[in-house]
Protein backbone atom coordinates (compact mmCIF):
# COMPACT_ATOMS: atom_id res chain seq x y z
CA MET A 1 -4.92 8.74 18.68
CA ASN A 2 -2.64 11.06 17.12
CA CYS A 3 -0.39 9.58 14.47
CA ALA A 4 1.37 12.67 12.98
CA ILE A 5 4.18 12.67 10.72
CA ARG A 6 6.95 15.01 10.95
CA SER A 7 10.06 13.32 10.61
CA ARG A 8 11.77 11.00 7.86
CA SER A 9 13.95 9.55 10.54
CA ILE A 10 11.41 6.26 10.80
CA PRO A 11 13.37 3.77 8.85
CA ILE A 12 11.19 0.75 8.41
CA SER A 13 7.36 1.06 9.33
CA SER A 14 5.00 3.64 8.68
CA CYS A 15 2.98 5.70 11.33
CA ILE A 16 0.45 2.82 12.23
CA PRO A 17 -1.57 2.11 15.30
CA ILE A 18 0.06 0.83 18.45
CA PHE A 19 -1.88 -1.89 18.85
CA ILE A 20 0.11 -3.96 16.24
CA LEU A 21 2.98 -3.75 18.27
CA VAL A 22 1.43 -6.00 20.97
CA LEU A 23 3.22 -9.23 21.53
CA ILE A 24 1.16 -12.24 20.99
CA LEU A 25 1.60 -15.81 22.03
CA ASN A 26 2.71 -18.15 19.08
CA PHE A 27 0.22 -21.06 19.09
CA GLY A 28 -2.12 -22.58 16.86
CA CYS A 29 -1.25 -24.78 13.75
CA PRO A 30 -1.96 -23.29 10.23
CA GLN A 31 -1.43 -25.66 7.48
CA SER A 32 1.94 -25.53 5.54
CA ALA A 33 2.03 -25.58 1.74
CA GLN A 34 4.00 -28.57 0.24
CA GLY A 35 6.20 -28.14 -2.79
CA GLN A 36 6.37 -24.52 -2.68
CA THR A 37 9.72 -22.79 -3.65
CA TYR A 38 10.94 -19.48 -2.40
CA ARG A 39 13.80 -17.48 -4.16
CA VAL A 40 15.08 -14.08 -3.99
CA LEU A 41 15.27 -12.36 -7.37
CA HIS A 42 16.89 -9.07 -6.20
CA MET A 43 18.49 -7.84 -2.97
CA PHE A 44 18.48 -4.01 -2.60
CA THR A 45 21.89 -2.42 -1.84
CA GLY A 46 20.68 1.06 -0.82
CA GLY A 47 22.39 2.61 -3.74
CA PRO A 48 20.98 3.52 -7.10
CA ASP A 49 18.70 0.51 -6.82
CA GLY A 50 16.78 1.76 -3.77
CA ALA A 51 16.24 0.49 -0.34
CA GLN A 52 13.42 -0.73 1.63
CA PRO A 53 10.49 -1.26 -0.61
CA GLN A 54 7.08 -0.74 1.30
CA ALA A 55 4.82 -1.14 -1.70
CA GLY A 56 3.93 -4.15 -3.70
CA LEU A 57 4.78 -4.73 -7.52
CA ILE A 58 2.93 -4.40 -11.00
CA MET A 59 3.53 -6.65 -13.74
CA ASP A 60 3.50 -5.73 -17.51
CA ARG A 61 2.28 -8.14 -20.14
CA HIS A 62 5.70 -9.79 -20.76
CA GLY A 63 6.08 -10.44 -17.07
CA ASN A 64 8.38 -7.77 -16.16
CA LEU A 65 7.87 -6.36 -12.86
CA TYR A 66 7.77 -2.60 -11.64
CA GLY A 67 7.78 -0.95 -8.24
CA THR A 68 9.18 1.70 -5.88
CA ALA A 69 11.54 1.57 -3.15
CA ARG A 70 11.23 4.07 -0.19
CA TYR A 71 14.94 4.76 0.11
CA GLY A 72 18.15 4.94 -1.79
CA GLY A 73 18.62 6.51 -4.97
CA TYR A 74 19.71 9.99 -4.81
CA TYR A 75 21.32 10.88 -1.73
CA GLY A 76 21.54 14.82 -2.17
CA GLY A 77 19.00 17.54 -1.27
CA ASN A 78 17.14 16.97 2.11
CA CYS A 79 16.82 13.23 2.36
CA ASN A 80 18.96 13.01 5.57
CA GLY A 81 21.37 10.73 4.06
CA LEU A 82 18.86 7.75 3.40
CA GLY A 83 18.19 8.71 -0.04
CA CYS A 84 14.90 9.91 -1.50
CA GLY A 85 13.63 6.70 -3.19
CA THR A 86 13.26 5.28 -6.62
CA VAL A 87 11.10 3.76 -9.16
CA PHE A 88 12.34 0.51 -10.55
CA GLU A 89 12.11 -2.12 -13.16
CA LEU A 90 12.96 -5.81 -12.64
CA ALA A 91 13.05 -7.48 -16.09
CA ARG A 92 13.49 -11.06 -17.21
CA SER A 93 16.68 -11.74 -18.87
CA GLY A 94 17.02 -15.37 -19.97
CA SER A 95 16.43 -17.64 -16.86
CA GLY A 96 17.48 -14.55 -14.58
CA TRP A 97 16.40 -10.99 -13.62
CA VAL A 98 18.10 -7.81 -14.15
CA LEU A 99 16.98 -4.73 -11.92
CA LYS A 100 17.23 -1.02 -13.65
CA SER A 101 16.41 2.12 -11.85
CA LEU A 102 14.16 4.20 -13.98
CA HIS A 103 13.85 7.30 -11.63
CA SER A 104 15.73 8.48 -8.40
CA PHE A 105 13.63 11.15 -6.41
CA THR A 106 15.22 14.35 -5.36
CA GLU A 107 12.58 15.55 -2.79
CA THR A 108 13.23 19.30 -3.46
CA ASN A 109 10.97 19.37 -6.51
CA ASP A 110 9.75 15.74 -7.55
CA GLY A 111 9.03 14.09 -4.25
CA ALA A 112 10.50 11.63 -1.66
CA ASP A 113 9.58 8.39 0.01
CA PRO A 114 7.47 6.42 -2.49
CA VAL A 115 5.59 4.20 -0.17
CA GLY A 116 2.27 3.55 -2.35
CA ALA A 117 1.93 0.88 -5.10
CA LEU A 118 2.26 2.09 -8.89
CA VAL A 119 -0.31 1.66 -11.43
CA PHE A 120 -0.66 1.78 -14.98
CA GLY A 121 -2.44 4.75 -16.26
CA PRO A 122 -4.67 4.86 -19.30
CA ASP A 123 -1.63 6.20 -21.43
CA GLY A 124 0.54 3.30 -20.22
CA ALA A 125 2.63 5.36 -18.12
CA PHE A 126 3.21 4.55 -14.24
CA TYR A 127 1.56 6.73 -11.79
CA GLY A 128 2.08 6.86 -8.11
CA THR A 129 2.69 9.09 -5.00
CA THR A 130 5.40 10.02 -2.81
CA LEU A 131 4.70 10.58 1.12
CA TYR A 132 6.95 13.73 1.08
CA GLY A 133 8.63 16.21 -1.19
CA GLY A 134 7.07 18.57 -3.66
CA THR A 135 7.03 22.12 -3.78
CA ASN A 136 4.99 22.91 -0.43
CA GLY A 137 5.75 23.29 3.18
CA CYS A 138 5.20 20.49 5.96
CA ASP A 139 8.31 21.71 7.78
CA GLY A 140 10.41 21.74 4.65
CA TYR A 141 9.93 18.10 3.74
CA GLY A 142 7.05 18.76 1.28
CA CYS A 143 3.77 17.32 1.75
CA GLY A 144 3.72 14.75 -0.88
CA THR A 145 3.22 14.57 -4.50
CA VAL A 146 1.34 12.52 -7.33
CA PHE A 147 3.92 11.76 -10.26
CA LYS A 148 4.00 10.12 -13.63
CA VAL A 149 6.98 8.36 -15.03
CA THR A 150 7.34 7.54 -18.69
CA PRO A 151 10.27 6.07 -20.93
CA PRO A 152 12.69 8.23 -22.64
CA ALA A 153 11.36 9.76 -26.05
CA THR A 154 14.33 8.34 -27.86
CA ILE A 155 15.76 4.64 -27.64
CA CYS A 156 18.51 4.42 -24.87
CA ARG A 157 20.94 1.51 -25.45
CA SER A 158 22.46 1.82 -22.13
CA ILE A 159 21.66 -0.57 -19.31
CA SER A 160 20.94 2.58 -17.23
CA CYS A 161 18.43 4.88 -18.81
CA PRO A 162 16.44 7.39 -16.74
CA TRP A 163 12.91 7.63 -17.40
CA ASN A 164 11.02 11.10 -17.38
CA GLU A 165 9.12 12.02 -14.16
CA THR A 166 6.36 14.43 -14.40
CA VAL A 167 4.74 15.95 -10.94
CA LEU A 168 1.13 16.17 -11.47
CA ALA A 169 0.30 17.62 -8.27
CA SER A 170 2.07 18.82 -4.85
CA PHE A 171 -0.18 18.64 -1.68
CA PRO A 172 -0.56 22.03 -0.27
CA GLY A 173 -1.05 20.68 3.43
CA GLY A 174 -4.04 22.14 5.38
CA ALA A 175 -7.51 21.72 3.64
CA GLY A 176 -5.74 20.07 0.56
CA GLY A 177 -4.61 17.27 2.32
CA LEU A 178 -1.00 15.95 3.11
CA PHE A 179 1.14 12.86 3.13
CA PRO A 180 -0.39 10.21 0.53
CA TYR A 181 0.44 6.73 1.62
CA GLY A 182 -1.69 4.88 -0.58
CA GLY A 183 -1.52 4.83 -4.58
CA VAL A 184 -3.97 6.25 -7.02
CA VAL A 185 -6.71 4.90 -9.24
CA PHE A 186 -8.18 6.01 -12.34
CA ASP A 187 -11.82 6.37 -13.39
CA ALA A 188 -12.96 5.79 -17.16
CA SER A 189 -12.59 9.49 -17.99
CA GLY A 190 -8.88 9.38 -16.76
CA ASN A 191 -9.50 11.38 -13.60
CA ILE A 192 -7.34 10.23 -10.51
CA TYR A 193 -8.39 9.40 -7.19
CA GLY A 194 -6.54 8.76 -3.74
CA THR A 195 -6.38 9.70 0.06
CA THR A 196 -4.12 11.56 2.26
CA PHE A 197 -3.25 10.57 5.70
CA GLN A 198 -3.75 13.98 7.17
CA GLY A 199 -5.21 17.24 6.43
CA GLY A 200 -8.81 18.61 5.57
CA GLN A 201 -10.98 21.34 6.64
CA GLN A 202 -11.53 20.25 10.08
CA LEU A 203 -8.86 21.23 12.94
CA LEU A 204 -9.45 17.76 14.21
CA CYS A 205 -7.21 14.86 14.82
CA ASN A 206 -5.00 16.84 17.38
CA GLY A 207 -4.84 19.68 14.76
CA HIS A 208 -3.32 17.70 11.90
CA GLY A 209 -6.60 17.03 10.06
CA CYS A 210 -7.99 13.56 9.66
CA GLY A 211 -7.37 12.96 6.02
CA VAL A 212 -9.18 13.71 2.71
CA VAL A 213 -10.29 11.76 -0.41
CA TYR A 214 -9.08 13.78 -3.49
CA GLU A 215 -9.74 13.67 -7.18
CA LEU A 216 -7.10 15.19 -9.97
CA SER A 217 -8.86 16.38 -13.04
CA ARG A 218 -7.13 17.43 -16.17
CA THR A 219 -8.02 21.12 -17.60
CA ASN A 220 -6.13 22.87 -20.35
CA GLY A 221 -3.15 20.30 -19.60
CA THR A 222 -3.03 21.17 -15.96
CA TRP A 223 -4.05 18.87 -13.08
CA ILE A 224 -6.20 20.30 -10.57
CA GLU A 225 -6.98 18.87 -7.00
CA SER A 226 -10.73 18.63 -5.71
CA VAL A 227 -11.17 17.41 -2.08
CA LEU A 228 -14.05 15.10 -2.43
CA TYR A 229 -14.55 14.18 1.30
CA ASP A 230 -13.28 15.25 4.67
CA PHE A 231 -12.51 12.77 7.53
CA THR A 232 -13.66 13.97 10.78
CA GLY A 233 -12.82 11.25 13.38
CA ALA A 234 -16.37 10.26 13.56
CA ASN A 235 -16.33 9.09 9.97
CA GLY A 236 -12.93 7.66 9.84
CA ALA A 237 -9.41 9.12 10.33
CA ALA A 238 -5.92 8.54 9.04
CA PRO A 239 -6.59 6.74 5.51
CA GLN A 240 -3.57 4.97 4.67
CA ALA A 241 -4.55 2.71 1.78
CA GLY A 242 -5.61 3.63 -1.67
CA LEU A 243 -9.17 3.58 -3.32
CA THR A 244 -11.10 0.83 -5.15
CA PHE A 245 -13.78 1.29 -7.81
CA ASP A 246 -16.66 -1.35 -7.72
CA ALA A 247 -18.57 -2.31 -11.06
CA SER A 248 -20.99 0.69 -10.74
CA GLY A 249 -18.27 3.42 -10.33
CA ASN A 250 -18.48 3.91 -6.59
CA LEU A 251 -15.19 4.32 -4.53
CA TYR A 252 -14.47 2.28 -1.53
CA GLY A 253 -11.60 2.64 0.93
CA THR A 254 -10.36 2.21 4.60
CA THR A 255 -9.28 4.26 7.59
CA VAL A 256 -6.84 3.19 10.20
CA GLN A 257 -8.34 5.03 12.68
CA GLY A 258 -11.77 6.80 13.76
CA GLY A 259 -15.10 5.58 13.32
CA ALA A 260 -17.70 4.84 16.28
CA TYR A 261 -15.00 2.81 18.31
CA ASP A 262 -11.72 4.50 16.98
CA GLN A 263 -10.72 1.45 15.38
CA GLY A 264 -11.13 2.24 11.64
CA THR A 265 -13.90 2.03 9.14
CA VAL A 266 -14.61 0.92 5.61
CA PHE A 267 -16.18 3.83 3.60
CA THR A 268 -17.68 4.49 0.39
CA LEU A 269 -18.20 7.54 -1.99
CA THR A 270 -21.02 7.48 -4.55
CA ARG A 271 -21.64 10.13 -7.13
CA SER A 272 -24.32 12.67 -6.00
CA GLY A 273 -25.34 15.12 -8.69
CA SER A 274 -22.08 16.87 -9.78
CA GLY A 275 -20.34 15.74 -6.38
CA TRP A 276 -19.87 12.85 -4.18
CA SER A 277 -21.74 11.47 -1.29
CA GLY A 278 -19.64 9.65 1.50
CA SER A 279 -20.82 7.15 4.03
CA THR A 280 -19.37 4.57 6.36
CA ILE A 281 -20.29 0.83 5.75
CA HIS A 282 -18.47 -0.65 8.67
CA ASP A 283 -17.09 0.62 11.99
CA PHE A 284 -14.38 -1.93 13.50
CA THR A 285 -14.66 -2.50 17.09
CA GLY A 286 -11.26 -3.77 17.57
CA GLY A 287 -12.81 -6.97 18.70
CA PRO A 288 -13.55 -10.15 16.87
CA ASP A 289 -14.22 -8.38 13.63
CA GLY A 290 -10.84 -6.65 13.69
CA GLY A 291 -9.50 -3.04 13.69
CA GLY A 292 -6.94 -0.91 11.80
CA PRO A 293 -7.47 -1.81 7.88
CA LEU A 294 -4.05 -0.89 6.12
CA GLY A 295 -4.64 -2.25 2.64
CA ASN A 296 -6.90 -1.62 -0.30
CA VAL A 297 -10.18 -3.38 -0.41
CA ILE A 298 -10.90 -5.78 -3.30
CA PHE A 299 -14.05 -7.17 -4.83
CA ASP A 300 -15.15 -10.39 -6.32
CA GLN A 301 -17.59 -10.61 -9.09
CA ALA A 302 -20.50 -11.03 -6.94
CA GLY A 303 -19.67 -7.38 -5.35
CA ASN A 304 -18.45 -8.84 -2.12
CA LEU A 305 -15.47 -6.86 -0.32
CA PHE A 306 -12.54 -8.40 0.99
CA ASP A 307 -9.63 -6.86 3.04
CA THR A 308 -7.51 -7.53 6.25
CA THR A 309 -6.97 -5.64 9.67
CA VAL A 310 -3.70 -5.57 11.83
CA GLY A 311 -5.64 -5.40 14.95
CA GLY A 312 -8.46 -7.01 16.70
CA GLY A 313 -9.28 -10.71 16.45
CA GLY A 314 -7.41 -13.03 18.67
CA TYR A 315 -4.58 -11.57 20.61
CA TYR A 316 -5.15 -8.48 18.73
CA SER A 317 -3.09 -9.90 15.61
CA GLY A 318 -5.71 -9.26 12.93
CA VAL A 319 -8.30 -10.78 10.62
CA ALA A 320 -8.98 -11.35 7.07
CA PHE A 321 -12.54 -10.26 6.41
CA GLU A 322 -15.43 -10.29 3.74
CA LEU A 323 -18.22 -7.62 3.63
CA SER A 324 -21.42 -8.57 1.62
CA PRO A 325 -24.20 -6.26 0.58
CA SER A 326 -27.43 -7.41 2.18
CA ALA A 327 -30.56 -5.45 2.52
CA GLY A 328 -29.05 -1.90 1.89
CA GLY A 329 -26.40 -2.65 4.40
CA TRP A 330 -23.24 -4.76 4.68
CA ASN A 331 -22.67 -8.01 6.66
CA GLU A 332 -19.22 -9.03 8.01
CA THR A 333 -17.66 -12.48 7.92
CA VAL A 334 -14.51 -13.12 9.40
CA LEU A 335 -12.70 -15.55 7.08
CA ALA A 336 -9.50 -15.95 9.19
CA ASN A 337 -8.36 -14.87 12.63
CA PHE A 338 -4.65 -14.44 12.93
CA GLY A 339 -4.45 -14.99 16.63
CA GLY A 340 -1.42 -17.34 17.25
CA ASN A 341 0.04 -17.15 14.02
CA SER A 342 2.37 -14.28 14.95
CA SER A 343 1.77 -12.70 11.68
CA TYR A 344 -0.21 -9.40 11.37
CA PRO A 345 -1.82 -9.24 7.86
CA ASN A 346 -0.83 -5.82 6.71
CA ALA A 347 -1.06 -5.41 2.91
CA PRO A 348 -3.72 -5.69 0.28
CA LEU A 349 -5.20 -9.08 -0.58
CA LEU A 350 -4.89 -10.68 -3.94
CA MET A 351 -7.64 -12.80 -5.34
CA GLY A 352 -6.44 -15.64 -7.64
CA PRO A 353 -8.35 -17.01 -10.42
CA ASP A 354 -10.10 -19.76 -8.28
CA GLY A 355 -11.43 -17.42 -5.74
CA SER A 356 -8.61 -17.94 -3.40
CA LEU A 357 -6.68 -14.93 -1.45
CA TYR A 358 -3.12 -14.37 -1.14
CA GLY A 359 -1.52 -12.07 1.51
CA VAL A 360 1.35 -11.47 3.61
CA GLY A 361 1.91 -10.46 7.37
CA TYR A 362 4.56 -9.80 10.01
CA GLY A 363 5.02 -10.12 13.56
CA GLU A 364 7.52 -9.70 16.07
CA ALA A 365 9.23 -13.03 15.47
CA THR A 366 8.22 -13.97 12.10
CA SER A 367 6.80 -12.81 8.61
CA SER A 368 4.91 -14.93 6.21
CA VAL A 369 3.21 -15.26 2.96
CA PHE A 370 -0.19 -16.96 3.15
CA LYS A 371 -3.30 -18.27 1.17
CA LEU A 372 -6.89 -18.42 2.15
CA THR A 373 -8.92 -21.04 0.27
CA PRO A 374 -12.64 -21.16 0.20
CA GLY A 375 -14.33 -24.49 0.91
CA SER A 376 -17.92 -25.86 1.92
CA GLY A 377 -16.78 -25.54 5.73
CA GLY A 378 -15.20 -22.03 5.47
CA TRP A 379 -11.83 -20.54 4.74
CA THR A 380 -8.32 -22.70 4.87
CA TYR A 381 -5.40 -20.74 5.94
CA THR A 382 -2.07 -21.97 4.74
CA VAL A 383 1.43 -20.65 5.11
CA LEU A 384 3.17 -20.57 1.75
CA HIS A 385 6.56 -19.37 2.97
CA ASP A 386 7.51 -18.43 6.46
CA PHE A 387 10.50 -16.01 6.37
CA GLY A 388 11.84 -17.25 9.64
CA GLY A 389 11.97 -13.58 11.14
CA ARG A 390 10.62 -10.21 10.64
CA VAL A 391 11.53 -8.92 7.13
CA TYR A 392 8.34 -6.77 6.89
CA PRO A 393 6.67 -7.82 3.47
CA ASN A 394 4.59 -4.62 3.76
CA GLY A 395 3.39 -4.63 -0.01
CA GLY A 396 0.84 -6.69 -1.77
CA LEU A 397 1.35 -9.74 -4.10
CA VAL A 398 1.22 -10.06 -7.60
CA LEU A 399 0.33 -13.55 -9.77
CA ASP A 400 1.73 -14.59 -13.17
CA SER A 401 -0.19 -16.75 -15.54
CA ASP A 402 1.98 -19.79 -14.24
CA GLY A 403 0.54 -19.32 -10.86
CA ASN A 404 4.09 -17.75 -9.45
CA LEU A 405 3.71 -15.00 -6.62
CA PHE A 406 6.13 -12.13 -6.45
CA GLY A 407 6.44 -9.55 -3.76
CA THR A 408 8.83 -7.39 -1.49
CA THR A 409 10.17 -7.21 1.92
CA SER A 410 11.28 -3.93 3.26
CA ILE A 411 14.11 -5.34 5.47
CA GLY A 412 16.39 -8.48 4.80
CA GLY A 413 18.82 -9.40 2.13
CA ASP A 414 22.58 -8.39 2.69
CA ASP A 415 23.68 -6.21 5.88
CA GLN A 416 24.16 -3.12 3.43
CA CYS A 417 21.52 -1.20 4.95
CA GLU A 418 22.68 -1.97 8.76
CA PRO A 419 21.63 -1.10 11.45
CA TYR A 420 18.33 -1.57 9.73
CA GLU A 421 18.77 -5.33 9.00
CA GLY A 422 19.11 -5.20 5.34
CA CYS A 423 17.79 -3.07 2.59
CA GLY A 424 14.97 -5.56 1.41
CA VAL A 425 14.36 -7.87 -1.35
CA ILE A 426 12.07 -8.77 -4.31
CA PHE A 427 11.08 -12.49 -4.07
CA GLU A 428 9.37 -15.18 -6.10
CA ILE A 429 7.22 -18.05 -4.64
CA THR A 430 6.59 -20.98 -7.34
CA PRO A 431 3.94 -23.69 -7.00
């Protein structure tokens, strides 16, 4: 299946497998949590604050939240009137919250359409990716960037204090990759790793390339890109999520397409001499085991891997799964089948202190925040909040020390972003 990207005109969802658009029957009786309180902390306006956030949030030690909005902010350049996106802070202020725009992207040089989650770097700065922009081609939109955002060098006493952005890499397209959907991850030496949705050495995947795994390493103050792994279709295609390190320093990730059944894969990269060696640890069939994983994988302390898929399962509405190492291989266990729940799980899972898993999903009629609780008889699926409509909570969740959950939706809120059904919100769910 070709999922080439050549236009910024797609307002809400990314280029994702068509099977998630299949309508499903609404039946089944998931448990509903009692006593959960939902509130909106910020409604995006499409102005300087941004619009339609598609990534989750990160939290600092003071409980302030940081994230990206795909659109809004700067409206000049080549951003087609949608705005090029923002980096924002949502800071606690008394009993409320105040949003500050830290950076507005301009596309021409610094990037556009940040859809991956931010991460804290070893230096405390924010690092992330933009889907478009930068200094290279891709039909004039740019092939994407990796960026760094740092606070001003001097104290700023204004409520609006732009931070400083540095572009670490502009993707060249072709063999060097293009369109990084997912965020980045650091190793212990400060090197940066991620994936691109297309590109690579092979003229496969309808001539666009099937995507790459890349590394950015710093030499004499300059970040140099190296391609560690090319996807060919047979070993996966179209990686949309970022990467995760295990306790041994191996990298793990997913592809939305490709593999033995063209339903996506879970893969690993291990160090081999001075390079890396890649292999597939699971090929999804699109059947009961799932298909089309979109989120970053996570690990528990025992080395078991967890994630979700948007396809497969009952009525092709996705599953939550676990992969456990066994005798040199990996065994899959389906933890939850979302058939009948009308809510495709489409973002990284979050593991709580007690081993419970939290996630989000959307369907044609509704969107939800859910919890999976382990027990002796399996995992219990509980809806923590039903949004009552499709608001596209595309990003993962973050949990504070009091057990409050925070996340984003891509649409919803007020009507200032019509005809796209609102600019999105930042929400909190309290126990």
